[in-house]
Amino acid sequence: MHPKTRFLFTASMDVDAGKEALFNEVYDTEHVPELLKVPGCLAVHRLTLQPLKLAIGGEVKSIVFDDEPKYSAIYELESAEVLTSSAWAKAVEVGRWGAQVRPYTKNRRHTLRKVAGR
């Protein structure tokens, strides 16, 4: 984690199956690079949900979350105000994201968490 990170913003979502290749291409080549230009956005990590087996209580359990979105991105931020800045507002609309990708996303979830002790 970047030493200046004070908040973690998570954007999670599913995407229509026929748009997944476009979603991943645009996220990696346009969306993330634009958001990394925003002052106070320190790092971005993209994640894909995986099956979970966990040893707990003396046994291995499979944990299933049927409603959990497949894709997530975690943004390391210097402050919560980054998300309401004009630079952020502009960056989230650059390129193909707004017109060609966002309409095909669903089950969207956004969270903001403060990093403990920072």
PDB file of N, CA and C in Angstrom:
ATOM      1  N   MET A   1       0.840  -1.172   0.000  1.00  0.00           N
ATOM      2  CA  MET A   1       0.000   0.000   0.000  1.00  0.00           C
ATOM      3  C   MET A   1       0.891   1.244   0.000  1.00  0.00           C
ATOM      4  N   HIS A   2       0.482   2.215  -0.788  1.00  0.00           N
ATOM      5  CA  HIS A   2       1.218   3.471  -0.869  1.00  0.00           C
ATOM      6  C   HIS A   2       1.244   4.135   0.511  1.00  0.00           C
ATOM      7  N   PRO A   3       2.378   4.692   0.922  1.00  0.00           N
ATOM      8  CA  PRO A   3       2.459   5.296   2.264  1.00  0.00           C
ATOM      9  C   PRO A   3       1.519   6.479   2.489  1.00  0.00           C
ATOM     10  N   LYS A   4       1.054   7.129   1.431  1.00  0.00           N
ATOM     11  CA  LYS A   4       0.135   8.258   1.576  1.00  0.00           C
ATOM     12  C   LYS A   4      -1.342   7.847   1.550  1.00  0.00           C
ATOM     13  N   THR A   5      -1.609   6.555   1.363  1.00  0.00           N
ATOM     14  CA  THR A   5      -2.996   6.090   1.291  1.00  0.00           C
ATOM     15  C   THR A   5      -3.689   6.263   2.630  1.00  0.00           C
ATOM     16  N   ARG A   6      -4.816   6.972   2.596  1.00  0.00           N
ATOM     17  CA  ARG A   6      -5.632   7.181   3.795  1.00  0.00           C
ATOM     18  C   ARG A   6      -7.016   6.552   3.644  1.00  0.00           C
ATOM     19  N   PHE A   7      -7.457   6.378   2.395  1.00  0.00           N
ATOM     20  CA  PHE A   7      -8.771   5.805   2.120  1.00  0.00           C
ATOM     21  C   PHE A   7      -8.671   4.793   0.996  1.00  0.00           C
ATOM     22  N   LEU A   8      -9.543   3.781   1.054  1.00  0.00           N
ATOM     23  CA  LEU A   8      -9.687   2.811  -0.026  1.00  0.00           C
ATOM     24  C   LEU A   8     -11.111   2.913  -0.554  1.00  0.00           C
ATOM     25  N   PHE A   9     -11.228   3.212  -1.835  1.00  0.00           N
ATOM     26  CA  PHE A   9     -12.517   3.257  -2.511  1.00  0.00           C
ATOM     27  C   PHE A   9     -12.619   2.003  -3.354  1.00  0.00           C
ATOM     28  N   THR A  10     -13.730   1.282  -3.216  1.00  0.00           N
ATOM     29  CA  THR A  10     -13.938   0.067  -3.987  1.00  0.00           C
ATOM     30  C   THR A  10     -15.154   0.229  -4.888  1.00  0.00           C
ATOM     31  N   ALA A  11     -14.958  -0.086  -6.154  1.00  0.00           N
ATOM     32  CA  ALA A  11     -16.047  -0.125  -7.126  1.00  0.00           C
ATOM     33  C   ALA A  11     -16.160  -1.564  -7.611  1.00  0.00           C
ATOM     34  N   SER A  12     -17.309  -2.175  -7.375  1.00  0.00           N
ATOM     35  CA  SER A  12     -17.526  -3.567  -7.768  1.00  0.00           C
ATOM     36  C   SER A  12     -18.735  -3.645  -8.675  1.00  0.00           C
ATOM     37  N   MET A  13     -18.709  -4.587  -9.611  1.00  0.00           N
ATOM     38  CA  MET A  13     -19.814  -4.706 -10.559  1.00  0.00           C
ATOM     39  C   MET A  13     -19.729  -5.998 -11.349  1.00  0.00           C
ATOM     40  N   ASP A  14     -20.840  -6.335 -11.952  1.00  0.00           N
ATOM     41  CA  ASP A  14     -20.901  -7.378 -12.962  1.00  0.00           C
ATOM     42  C   ASP A  14     -21.048  -6.676 -14.300  1.00  0.00           C
ATOM     43  N   VAL A  15     -20.780  -7.405 -15.373  1.00  0.00           N
ATOM     44  CA  VAL A  15     -20.912  -6.847 -16.717  1.00  0.00           C
ATOM     45  C   VAL A  15     -21.566  -7.902 -17.612  1.00  0.00           C
ATOM     46  N   ASP A  16     -22.387  -7.447 -18.545  1.00  0.00           N
ATOM     47  CA  ASP A  16     -23.013  -8.381 -19.476  1.00  0.00           C
ATOM     48  C   ASP A  16     -21.944  -9.242 -20.139  1.00  0.00           C
ATOM     49  N   ALA A  17     -22.205 -10.543 -20.254  1.00  0.00           N
ATOM     50  CA  ALA A  17     -21.215 -11.497 -20.775  1.00  0.00           C
ATOM     51  C   ALA A  17     -20.659 -11.089 -22.134  1.00  0.00           C
ATOM     52  N   GLY A  18     -21.477 -10.584 -23.014  1.00  0.00           N
ATOM     53  CA  GLY A  18     -21.020 -10.195 -24.344  1.00  0.00           C
ATOM     54  C   GLY A  18     -20.153  -8.952 -24.370  1.00  0.00           C
ATOM     55  N   LYS A  19     -20.028  -8.272 -23.233  1.00  0.00           N
ATOM     56  CA  LYS A  19     -19.249  -7.025 -23.154  1.00  0.00           C
ATOM     57  C   LYS A  19     -18.013  -7.159 -22.262  1.00  0.00           C
ATOM     58  N   GLU A  20     -17.728  -8.364 -21.756  1.00  0.00           N
ATOM     59  CA  GLU A  20     -16.610  -8.530 -20.831  1.00  0.00           C
ATOM     60  C   GLU A  20     -15.251  -8.189 -21.449  1.00  0.00           C
ATOM     61  N   ALA A  21     -15.006  -8.585 -22.678  1.00  0.00           N
ATOM     62  CA  ALA A  21     -13.719  -8.277 -23.311  1.00  0.00           C
ATOM     63  C   ALA A  21     -13.543  -6.771 -23.452  1.00  0.00           C
ATOM     64  N   LEU A  22     -14.586  -6.077 -23.888  1.00  0.00           N
ATOM     65  CA  LEU A  22     -14.525  -4.622 -24.002  1.00  0.00           C
ATOM     66  C   LEU A  22     -14.358  -3.988 -22.633  1.00  0.00           C
ATOM     67  N   PHE A  23     -15.104  -4.455 -21.642  1.00  0.00           N
ATOM     68  CA  PHE A  23     -15.006  -3.961 -20.271  1.00  0.00           C
ATOM     69  C   PHE A  23     -13.557  -4.017 -19.777  1.00  0.00           C
ATOM     70  N   ASN A  24     -12.931  -5.181 -19.907  1.00  0.00           N
ATOM     71  CA  ASN A  24     -11.554  -5.342 -19.422  1.00  0.00           C
ATOM     72  C   ASN A  24     -10.567  -4.495 -20.212  1.00  0.00           C
ATOM     73  N   GLU A  25     -10.727  -4.426 -21.516  1.00  0.00           N
ATOM     74  CA  GLU A  25      -9.828  -3.607 -22.337  1.00  0.00           C
ATOM     75  C   GLU A  25      -9.933  -2.132 -21.948  1.00  0.00           C
ATOM     76  N   VAL A  26     -11.143  -1.615 -21.877  1.00  0.00           N
ATOM     77  CA  VAL A  26     -11.337  -0.197 -21.564  1.00  0.00           C
ATOM     78  C   VAL A  26     -10.893   0.105 -20.133  1.00  0.00           C
ATOM     79  N   TYR A  27     -11.211  -0.783 -19.209  1.00  0.00           N
ATOM     80  CA  TYR A  27     -10.800  -0.554 -17.817  1.00  0.00           C
ATOM     81  C   TYR A  27      -9.277  -0.440 -17.728  1.00  0.00           C
ATOM     82  N   ASP A  28      -8.568  -1.367 -18.378  1.00  0.00           N
ATOM     83  CA  ASP A  28      -7.106  -1.397 -18.295  1.00  0.00           C
ATOM     84  C   ASP A  28      -6.411  -0.301 -19.108  1.00  0.00           C
ATOM     85  N   THR A  29      -6.929   0.003 -20.292  1.00  0.00           N
ATOM     86  CA  THR A  29      -6.203   0.912 -21.191  1.00  0.00           C
ATOM     87  C   THR A  29      -6.678   2.359 -21.141  1.00  0.00           C
ATOM     88  N   GLU A  30      -7.888   2.602 -20.626  1.00  0.00           N
ATOM     89  CA  GLU A  30      -8.427   3.963 -20.594  1.00  0.00           C
ATOM     90  C   GLU A  30      -8.815   4.403 -19.183  1.00  0.00           C
ATOM     91  N   HIS A  31      -9.703   3.640 -18.550  1.00  0.00           N
ATOM     92  CA  HIS A  31     -10.302   4.072 -17.286  1.00  0.00           C
ATOM     93  C   HIS A  31      -9.256   4.212 -16.175  1.00  0.00           C
ATOM     94  N   VAL A  32      -8.505   3.165 -15.917  1.00  0.00           N
ATOM     95  CA  VAL A  32      -7.492   3.226 -14.856  1.00  0.00           C
ATOM     96  C   VAL A  32      -6.427   4.279 -15.152  1.00  0.00           C
ATOM     97  N   PRO A  33      -5.855   4.327 -16.357  1.00  0.00           N
ATOM     98  CA  PRO A  33      -4.848   5.366 -16.614  1.00  0.00           C
ATOM     99  C   PRO A  33      -5.383   6.792 -16.406  1.00  0.00           C
ATOM    100  N   GLU A  34      -6.632   7.046 -16.779  1.00  0.00           N
ATOM    101  CA  GLU A  34      -7.204   8.382 -16.572  1.00  0.00           C
ATOM    102  C   GLU A  34      -7.376   8.693 -15.088  1.00  0.00           C
ATOM    103  N   LEU A  35      -7.848   7.719 -14.321  1.00  0.00           N
ATOM    104  CA  LEU A  35      -8.053   7.961 -12.892  1.00  0.00           C
ATOM    105  C   LEU A  35      -6.730   8.109 -12.150  1.00  0.00           C
ATOM    106  N   LEU A  36      -5.687   7.459 -12.622  1.00  0.00           N
ATOM    107  CA  LEU A  36      -4.375   7.617 -11.982  1.00  0.00           C
ATOM    108  C   LEU A  36      -3.783   9.009 -12.208  1.00  0.00           C
ATOM    109  N   LYS A  37      -4.329   9.761 -13.152  1.00  0.00           N
ATOM    110  CA  LYS A  37      -3.893  11.145 -13.370  1.00  0.00           C
ATOM    111  C   LYS A  37      -4.529  12.109 -12.371  1.00  0.00           C
ATOM    112  N   VAL A  38      -5.574  11.667 -11.682  1.00  0.00           N
ATOM    113  CA  VAL A  38      -6.291  12.526 -10.732  1.00  0.00           C
ATOM    114  C   VAL A  38      -5.421  12.743  -9.498  1.00  0.00           C
ATOM    115  N   PRO A  39      -5.187  14.003  -9.127  1.00  0.00           N
ATOM    116  CA  PRO A  39      -4.406  14.260  -7.911  1.00  0.00           C
ATOM    117  C   PRO A  39      -5.037  13.563  -6.702  1.00  0.00           C
ATOM    118  N   GLY A  40      -4.220  12.828  -5.972  1.00  0.00           N
ATOM    119  CA  GLY A  40      -4.688  12.123  -4.786  1.00  0.00           C
ATOM    120  C   GLY A  40      -5.100  10.690  -5.028  1.00  0.00           C
ATOM    121  N   CYS A  41      -5.180  10.255  -6.289  1.00  0.00           N
ATOM    122  CA  CYS A  41      -5.430   8.850  -6.607  1.00  0.00           C
ATOM    123  C   CYS A  41      -4.052   8.198  -6.765  1.00  0.00           C
ATOM    124  N   LEU A  42      -3.672   7.384  -5.803  1.00  0.00           N
ATOM    125  CA  LEU A  42      -2.292   6.904  -5.693  1.00  0.00           C
ATOM    126  C   LEU A  42      -2.035   5.569  -6.389  1.00  0.00           C
ATOM    127  N   ALA A  43      -3.045   4.710  -6.420  1.00  0.00           N
ATOM    128  CA  ALA A  43      -2.872   3.384  -7.026  1.00  0.00           C
ATOM    129  C   ALA A  43      -4.247   2.788  -7.287  1.00  0.00           C
ATOM    130  N   VAL A  44      -4.296   1.863  -8.242  1.00  0.00           N
ATOM    131  CA  VAL A  44      -5.530   1.139  -8.558  1.00  0.00           C
ATOM    132  C   VAL A  44      -5.174  -0.341  -8.696  1.00  0.00           C
ATOM    133  N   HIS A  45      -6.005  -1.171  -8.088  1.00  0.00           N
ATOM    134  CA  HIS A  45      -5.825  -2.618  -8.165  1.00  0.00           C
ATOM    135  C   HIS A  45      -7.127  -3.230  -8.672  1.00  0.00           C
ATOM    136  N   ARG A  46      -7.059  -3.981  -9.773  1.00  0.00           N
ATOM    137  CA  ARG A  46      -8.251  -4.652 -10.309  1.00  0.00           C
ATOM    138  C   ARG A  46      -8.280  -6.083  -9.810  1.00  0.00           C
ATOM    139  N   LEU A  47      -9.498  -6.557  -9.518  1.00  0.00           N
ATOM    140  CA  LEU A  47      -9.670  -7.880  -8.941  1.00  0.00           C
ATOM    141  C   LEU A  47     -10.827  -8.606  -9.612  1.00  0.00           C
ATOM    142  N   THR A  48     -10.733  -9.932  -9.645  1.00  0.00           N
ATOM    143  CA  THR A  48     -11.814 -10.767 -10.149  1.00  0.00           C
ATOM    144  C   THR A  48     -12.151 -11.790  -9.072  1.00  0.00           C
ATOM    145  N   LEU A  49     -13.430 -11.920  -8.754  1.00  0.00           N
ATOM    146  CA  LEU A  49     -13.899 -12.839  -7.730  1.00  0.00           C
ATOM    147  C   LEU A  49     -13.467 -14.263  -8.058  1.00  0.00           C
ATOM    148  N   GLN A  50     -13.019 -14.983  -7.041  1.00  0.00           N
ATOM    149  CA  GLN A  50     -12.565 -16.359  -7.195  1.00  0.00           C
ATOM    150  C   GLN A  50     -13.307 -17.256  -6.203  1.00  0.00           C
ATOM    151  N   PRO A  51     -13.390 -18.552  -6.493  1.00  0.00           N
ATOM    152  CA  PRO A  51     -13.994 -19.482  -5.518  1.00  0.00           C
ATOM    153  C   PRO A  51     -13.172 -19.440  -4.225  1.00  0.00           C
ATOM    154  N   LEU A  52     -13.861 -19.586  -3.094  1.00  0.00           N
ATOM    155  CA  LEU A  52     -13.189 -19.469  -1.801  1.00  0.00           C
ATOM    156  C   LEU A  52     -13.369 -20.732  -0.977  1.00  0.00           C
ATOM    157  N   LYS A  53     -12.240 -21.318  -0.592  1.00  0.00           N
ATOM    158  CA  LYS A  53     -12.222 -22.397   0.403  1.00  0.00           C
ATOM    159  C   LYS A  53     -11.381 -21.880   1.544  1.00  0.00           C
ATOM    160  N   LEU A  54     -11.854 -22.132   2.765  1.00  0.00           N
ATOM    161  CA  LEU A  54     -11.236 -21.522   3.939  1.00  0.00           C
ATOM    162  C   LEU A  54     -11.256 -22.501   5.100  1.00  0.00           C
ATOM    163  N   ALA A  55     -10.097 -22.668   5.741  1.00  0.00           N
ATOM    164  CA  ALA A  55     -10.043 -23.472   6.952  1.00  0.00           C
ATOM    165  C   ALA A  55     -10.471 -22.591   8.117  1.00  0.00           C
ATOM    166  N   ILE A  56     -11.557 -23.006   8.767  1.00  0.00           N
ATOM    167  CA  ILE A  56     -12.069 -22.245   9.908  1.00  0.00           C
ATOM    168  C   ILE A  56     -12.825 -23.208  10.837  1.00  0.00           C
ATOM    169  N   GLY A  57     -12.615 -23.039  12.113  1.00  0.00           N
ATOM    170  CA  GLY A  57     -13.302 -23.908  13.073  1.00  0.00           C
ATOM    171  C   GLY A  57     -12.937 -25.368  12.935  1.00  0.00           C
ATOM    172  N   GLY A  58     -11.722 -25.655  12.489  1.00  0.00           N
ATOM    173  CA  GLY A  58     -11.261 -27.029  12.387  1.00  0.00           C
ATOM    174  C   GLY A  58     -11.682 -27.771  11.131  1.00  0.00           C
ATOM    175  N   GLU A  59     -12.318 -27.074  10.199  1.00  0.00           N
ATOM    176  CA  GLU A  59     -12.699 -27.735   8.951  1.00  0.00           C
ATOM    177  C   GLU A  59     -12.549 -26.783   7.772  1.00  0.00           C
ATOM    178  N   VAL A  60     -12.436 -27.355   6.575  1.00  0.00           N
ATOM    179  CA  VAL A  60     -12.340 -26.555   5.355  1.00  0.00           C
ATOM    180  C   VAL A  60     -13.758 -26.342   4.831  1.00  0.00           C
ATOM    181  N   LYS A  61     -14.097 -25.095   4.604  1.00  0.00           N
ATOM    182  CA  LYS A  61     -15.432 -24.754   4.134  1.00  0.00           C
ATOM    183  C   LYS A  61     -15.340 -24.031   2.797  1.00  0.00           C
ATOM    184  N   SER A  62     -16.303 -24.282   1.940  1.00  0.00           N
ATOM    185  CA  SER A  62     -16.465 -23.511   0.716  1.00  0.00           C
ATOM    186  C   SER A  62     -17.465 -22.409   1.026  1.00  0.00           C
ATOM    187  N   ILE A  63     -17.103 -21.201   0.701  1.00  0.00           N
ATOM    188  CA  ILE A  63     -17.962 -20.064   0.983  1.00  0.00           C
ATOM    189  C   ILE A  63     -18.449 -19.508  -0.344  1.00  0.00           C
ATOM    190  N   VAL A  64     -19.763 -19.351  -0.454  1.00  0.00           N
ATOM    191  CA  VAL A  64     -20.379 -18.872  -1.689  1.00  0.00           C
ATOM    192  C   VAL A  64     -21.184 -17.612  -1.378  1.00  0.00           C
ATOM    193  N   PHE A  65     -20.923 -16.576  -2.152  1.00  0.00           N
ATOM    194  CA  PHE A  65     -21.685 -15.342  -2.057  1.00  0.00           C
ATOM    195  C   PHE A  65     -22.334 -15.126  -3.411  1.00  0.00           C
ATOM    196  N   ASP A  66     -23.554 -15.584  -3.559  1.00  0.00           N
ATOM    197  CA  ASP A  66     -24.234 -15.555  -4.853  1.00  0.00           C
ATOM    198  C   ASP A  66     -24.416 -14.161  -5.427  1.00  0.00           C
ATOM    199  N   ASP A  67     -24.544 -13.150  -4.581  1.00  0.00           N
ATOM    200  CA  ASP A  67     -24.840 -11.801  -5.070  1.00  0.00           C
ATOM    201  C   ASP A  67     -23.602 -10.913  -5.165  1.00  0.00           C
ATOM    202  N   GLU A  68     -22.445 -11.471  -4.918  1.00  0.00           N
ATOM    203  CA  GLU A  68     -21.204 -10.682  -4.942  1.00  0.00           C
ATOM    204  C   GLU A  68     -20.793 -10.412  -6.393  1.00  0.00           C
ATOM    205  N   PRO A  69     -20.490  -9.153  -6.741  1.00  0.00           N
ATOM    206  CA  PRO A  69     -20.072  -8.836  -8.113  1.00  0.00           C
ATOM    207  C   PRO A  69     -18.768  -9.547  -8.495  1.00  0.00           C
ATOM    208  N   LYS A  70     -18.635  -9.867  -9.763  1.00  0.00           N
ATOM    209  CA  LYS A  70     -17.456 -10.568 -10.281  1.00  0.00           C
ATOM    210  C   LYS A  70     -16.210  -9.684 -10.298  1.00  0.00           C
ATOM    211  N   TYR A  71     -16.367  -8.418 -10.658  1.00  0.00           N
ATOM    212  CA  TYR A  71     -15.215  -7.527 -10.825  1.00  0.00           C
ATOM    213  C   TYR A  71     -15.184  -6.451  -9.746  1.00  0.00           C
ATOM    214  N   SER A  72     -13.987  -6.134  -9.301  1.00  0.00           N
ATOM    215  CA  SER A  72     -13.796  -5.030  -8.357  1.00  0.00           C
ATOM    216  C   SER A  72     -12.520  -4.285  -8.717  1.00  0.00           C
ATOM    217  N   ALA A  73     -12.506  -3.034  -8.329  1.00  0.00           N
ATOM    218  CA  ALA A  73     -11.283  -2.235  -8.412  1.00  0.00           C
ATOM    219  C   ALA A  73     -11.155  -1.512  -7.085  1.00  0.00           C
ATOM    220  N   ILE A  74      -9.948  -1.509  -6.550  1.00  0.00           N
ATOM    221  CA  ILE A  74      -9.665  -0.803  -5.300  1.00  0.00           C
ATOM    222  C   ILE A  74      -8.746   0.361  -5.637  1.00  0.00           C
ATOM    223  N   TYR A  75      -9.196   1.532  -5.235  1.00  0.00           N
ATOM    224  CA  TYR A  75      -8.458   2.772  -5.490  1.00  0.00           C
ATOM    225  C   TYR A  75      -7.869   3.259  -4.173  1.00  0.00           C
ATOM    226  N   GLU A  76      -6.565   3.462  -4.147  1.00  0.00           N
ATOM    227  CA  GLU A  76      -5.911   4.024  -2.974  1.00  0.00           C
ATOM    228  C   GLU A  76      -5.936   5.542  -3.106  1.00  0.00           C
ATOM    229  N   LEU A  77      -6.492   6.205  -2.092  1.00  0.00           N
ATOM    230  CA  LEU A  77      -6.687   7.650  -2.148  1.00  0.00           C
ATOM    231  C   LEU A  77      -6.028   8.361  -0.970  1.00  0.00           C
ATOM    232  N   GLU A  78      -5.549   9.575  -1.232  1.00  0.00           N
ATOM    233  CA  GLU A  78      -5.001  10.411  -0.160  1.00  0.00           C
ATOM    234  C   GLU A  78      -6.093  10.957   0.736  1.00  0.00           C
ATOM    235  N   SER A  79      -7.264  11.233   0.162  1.00  0.00           N
ATOM    236  CA  SER A  79      -8.383  11.766   0.943  1.00  0.00           C
ATOM    237  C   SER A  79      -9.695  11.346   0.301  1.00  0.00           C
ATOM    238  N   ALA A  80     -10.763  11.404   1.069  1.00  0.00           N
ATOM    239  CA  ALA A  80     -12.085  11.079   0.549  1.00  0.00           C
ATOM    240  C   ALA A  80     -12.533  12.111  -0.481  1.00  0.00           C
ATOM    241  N   GLU A  81     -12.042  13.331  -0.367  1.00  0.00           N
ATOM    242  CA  GLU A  81     -12.428  14.411  -1.271  1.00  0.00           C
ATOM    243  C   GLU A  81     -11.977  14.183  -2.712  1.00  0.00           C
ATOM    244  N   VAL A  82     -11.051  13.279  -2.929  1.00  0.00           N
ATOM    245  CA  VAL A  82     -10.625  12.946  -4.294  1.00  0.00           C
ATOM    246  C   VAL A  82     -11.839  12.547  -5.130  1.00  0.00           C
ATOM    247  N   LEU A  83     -12.763  11.806  -4.512  1.00  0.00           N
ATOM    248  CA  LEU A  83     -13.927  11.273  -5.231  1.00  0.00           C
ATOM    249  C   LEU A  83     -14.924  12.334  -5.664  1.00  0.00           C
ATOM    250  N   THR A  84     -14.875  13.510  -5.064  1.00  0.00           N
ATOM    251  CA  THR A  84     -15.803  14.582  -5.433  1.00  0.00           C
ATOM    252  C   THR A  84     -15.089  15.734  -6.134  1.00  0.00           C
ATOM    253  N   SER A  85     -13.834  15.526  -6.469  1.00  0.00           N
ATOM    254  CA  SER A  85     -13.068  16.581  -7.144  1.00  0.00           C
ATOM    255  C   SER A  85     -13.495  16.712  -8.602  1.00  0.00           C
ATOM    256  N   SER A  86     -13.265  17.877  -9.166  1.00  0.00           N
ATOM    257  CA  SER A  86     -13.586  18.077 -10.587  1.00  0.00           C
ATOM    258  C   SER A  86     -12.705  17.198 -11.462  1.00  0.00           C
ATOM    259  N   ALA A  87     -11.476  16.944 -11.027  1.00  0.00           N
ATOM    260  CA  ALA A  87     -10.580  16.076 -11.802  1.00  0.00           C
ATOM    261  C   ALA A  87     -11.130  14.645 -11.865  1.00  0.00           C
ATOM    262  N   TRP A  88     -11.659  14.143 -10.743  1.00  0.00           N
ATOM    263  CA  TRP A  88     -12.253  12.800 -10.722  1.00  0.00           C
ATOM    264  C   TRP A  88     -13.489  12.765 -11.607  1.00  0.00           C
ATOM    265  N   ALA A  89     -14.361  13.766 -11.450  1.00  0.00           N
ATOM    266  CA  ALA A  89     -15.598  13.822 -12.239  1.00  0.00           C
ATOM    267  C   ALA A  89     -15.303  13.808 -13.732  1.00  0.00           C
ATOM    268  N   LYS A  90     -14.266  14.499 -14.142  1.00  0.00           N
ATOM    269  CA  LYS A  90     -13.886  14.528 -15.551  1.00  0.00           C
ATOM    270  C   LYS A  90     -13.296  13.175 -15.985  1.00  0.00           C
ATOM    271  N   ALA A  91     -12.402  12.624 -15.170  1.00  0.00           N
ATOM    272  CA  ALA A  91     -11.701  11.384 -15.523  1.00  0.00           C
ATOM    273  C   ALA A  91     -12.650  10.199 -15.693  1.00  0.00           C
ATOM    274  N   VAL A  92     -13.717  10.125 -14.886  1.00  0.00           N
ATOM    275  CA  VAL A  92     -14.615   8.974 -14.989  1.00  0.00           C
ATOM    276  C   VAL A  92     -15.467   9.004 -16.255  1.00  0.00           C
ATOM    277  N   GLU A  93     -15.437  10.115 -16.985  1.00  0.00           N
ATOM    278  CA  GLU A  93     -16.215  10.228 -18.216  1.00  0.00           C
ATOM    279  C   GLU A  93     -15.362  10.182 -19.480  1.00  0.00           C
ATOM    280  N   VAL A  94     -14.055  10.125 -19.343  1.00  0.00           N
ATOM    281  CA  VAL A  94     -13.152  10.125 -20.498  1.00  0.00           C
ATOM    282  C   VAL A  94     -13.234   8.789 -21.236  1.00  0.00           C
ATOM    283  N   GLY A  95     -13.106   8.838 -22.535  1.00  0.00           N
ATOM    284  CA  GLY A  95     -13.018   7.630 -23.355  1.00  0.00           C
ATOM    285  C   GLY A  95     -14.341   6.907 -23.516  1.00  0.00           C
ATOM    286  N   ARG A  96     -14.242   5.608 -23.721  1.00  0.00           N
ATOM    287  CA  ARG A  96     -15.406   4.777 -24.044  1.00  0.00           C
ATOM    288  C   ARG A  96     -16.200   4.310 -22.827  1.00  0.00           C
ATOM    289  N   TRP A  97     -15.678   4.566 -21.632  1.00  0.00           N
ATOM    290  CA  TRP A  97     -16.315   4.037 -20.422  1.00  0.00           C
ATOM    291  C   TRP A  97     -17.784   4.444 -20.316  1.00  0.00           C
ATOM    292  N   GLY A  98     -18.065   5.728 -20.391  1.00  0.00           N
ATOM    293  CA  GLY A  98     -19.419   6.225 -20.167  1.00  0.00           C
ATOM    294  C   GLY A  98     -20.451   5.713 -21.152  1.00  0.00           C
ATOM    295  N   ALA A  99     -20.116   5.695 -22.425  1.00  0.00           N
ATOM    296  CA  ALA A  99     -21.101   5.338 -23.450  1.00  0.00           C
ATOM    297  C   ALA A  99     -21.088   3.859 -23.830  1.00  0.00           C
ATOM    298  N   GLN A 100     -19.912   3.226 -23.829  1.00  0.00           N
ATOM    299  CA  GLN A 100     -19.809   1.873 -24.361  1.00  0.00           C
ATOM    300  C   GLN A 100     -19.670   0.777 -23.302  1.00  0.00           C
ATOM    301  N   VAL A 101     -19.368   1.173 -22.062  1.00  0.00           N
ATOM    302  CA  VAL A 101     -19.162   0.158 -21.017  1.00  0.00           C
ATOM    303  C   VAL A 101     -20.171   0.304 -19.878  1.00  0.00           C
ATOM    304  N   ARG A 102     -20.248   1.473 -19.264  1.00  0.00           N
ATOM    305  CA  ARG A 102     -21.111   1.666 -18.094  1.00  0.00           C
ATOM    306  C   ARG A 102     -22.543   1.164 -18.305  1.00  0.00           C
ATOM    307  N   PRO A 103     -23.168   1.374 -19.476  1.00  0.00           N
ATOM    308  CA  PRO A 103     -24.546   0.890 -19.646  1.00  0.00           C
ATOM    309  C   PRO A 103     -24.693  -0.633 -19.531  1.00  0.00           C
ATOM    310  N   TYR A 104     -23.607  -1.372 -19.656  1.00  0.00           N
ATOM    311  CA  TYR A 104     -23.654  -2.827 -19.617  1.00  0.00           C
ATOM    312  C   TYR A 104     -23.189  -3.386 -18.271  1.00  0.00           C
ATOM    313  N   THR A 105     -22.989  -2.510 -17.304  1.00  0.00           N
ATOM    314  CA  THR A 105     -22.629  -2.963 -15.961  1.00  0.00           C
ATOM    315  C   THR A 105     -23.888  -3.035 -15.107  1.00  0.00           C
ATOM    316  N   LYS A 106     -23.834  -3.886 -14.099  1.00  0.00           N
ATOM    317  CA  LYS A 106     -24.984  -4.079 -13.208  1.00  0.00           C
ATOM    318  C   LYS A 106     -24.469  -4.567 -11.854  1.00  0.00           C
ATOM    319  N   ASN A 107     -25.373  -4.658 -10.891  1.00  0.00           N
ATOM    320  CA  ASN A 107     -24.998  -5.117  -9.547  1.00  0.00           C
ATOM    321  C   ASN A 107     -23.820  -4.302  -9.012  1.00  0.00           C
ATOM    322  N   ARG A 108     -23.888  -2.992  -9.255  1.00  0.00           N
ATOM    323  CA  ARG A 108     -22.785  -2.098  -8.879  1.00  0.00           C
ATOM    324  C   ARG A 108     -22.810  -1.811  -7.376  1.00  0.00           C
ATOM    325  N   ARG A 109     -21.624  -1.788  -6.784  1.00  0.00           N
ATOM    326  CA  ARG A 109     -21.468  -1.465  -5.364  1.00  0.00           C
ATOM    327  C   ARG A 109     -20.248  -0.568  -5.208  1.00  0.00           C
ATOM    328  N   HIS A 110     -20.389   0.416  -4.366  1.00  0.00           N
ATOM    329  CA  HIS A 110     -19.280   1.317  -4.077  1.00  0.00           C
ATOM    330  C   HIS A 110     -19.122   1.415  -2.561  1.00  0.00           C
ATOM    331  N   THR A 111     -17.887   1.329  -2.104  1.00  0.00           N
ATOM    332  CA  THR A 111     -17.617   1.497  -0.670  1.00  0.00           C
ATOM    333  C   THR A 111     -16.412   2.401  -0.499  1.00  0.00           C
ATOM    334  N   LEU A 112     -16.367   3.064   0.638  1.00  0.00           N
ATOM    335  CA  LEU A 112     -15.223   3.888   1.017  1.00  0.00           C
ATOM    336  C   LEU A 112     -14.836   3.501   2.430  1.00  0.00           C
ATOM    337  N   ARG A 113     -13.557   3.179   2.617  1.00  0.00           N
ATOM    338  CA  ARG A 113     -13.065   2.784   3.938  1.00  0.00           C
ATOM    339  C   ARG A 113     -11.832   3.589   4.284  1.00  0.00           C
ATOM    340  N   LYS A 114     -11.776   4.022   5.526  1.00  0.00           N
ATOM    341  CA  LYS A 114     -10.608   4.742   6.025  1.00  0.00           C
ATOM    342  C   LYS A 114      -9.597   3.717   6.500  1.00  0.00           C
ATOM    343  N   VAL A 115      -8.340   3.915   6.153  1.00  0.00           N
ATOM    344  CA  VAL A 115      -7.275   3.011   6.579  1.00  0.00           C
ATOM    345  C   VAL A 115      -7.013   3.274   8.060  1.00  0.00           C
ATOM    346  N   ALA A 116      -7.108   2.247   8.882  1.00  0.00           N
ATOM    347  CA  ALA A 116      -6.924   2.373  10.326  1.00  0.00           C
ATOM    348  C   ALA A 116      -5.537   2.906  10.651  1.00  0.00           C
ATOM    349  N   GLY A 117      -5.494   3.828  11.577  1.00  0.00           N
ATOM    350  CA  GLY A 117      -4.215   4.356  12.050  1.00  0.00           C
ATOM    351  C   GLY A 117      -3.583   5.386  11.143  1.00  0.00           C
ATOM    352  N   ARG A 118      -4.283   5.818  10.101  1.00  0.00           N
ATOM    353  CA  ARG A 118      -3.697   6.810   9.185  1.00  0.00           C
ATOM    354  C   ARG A 118      -4.538   8.047   9.145  1.00  0.00           C
TER     355      ARG A 118
END
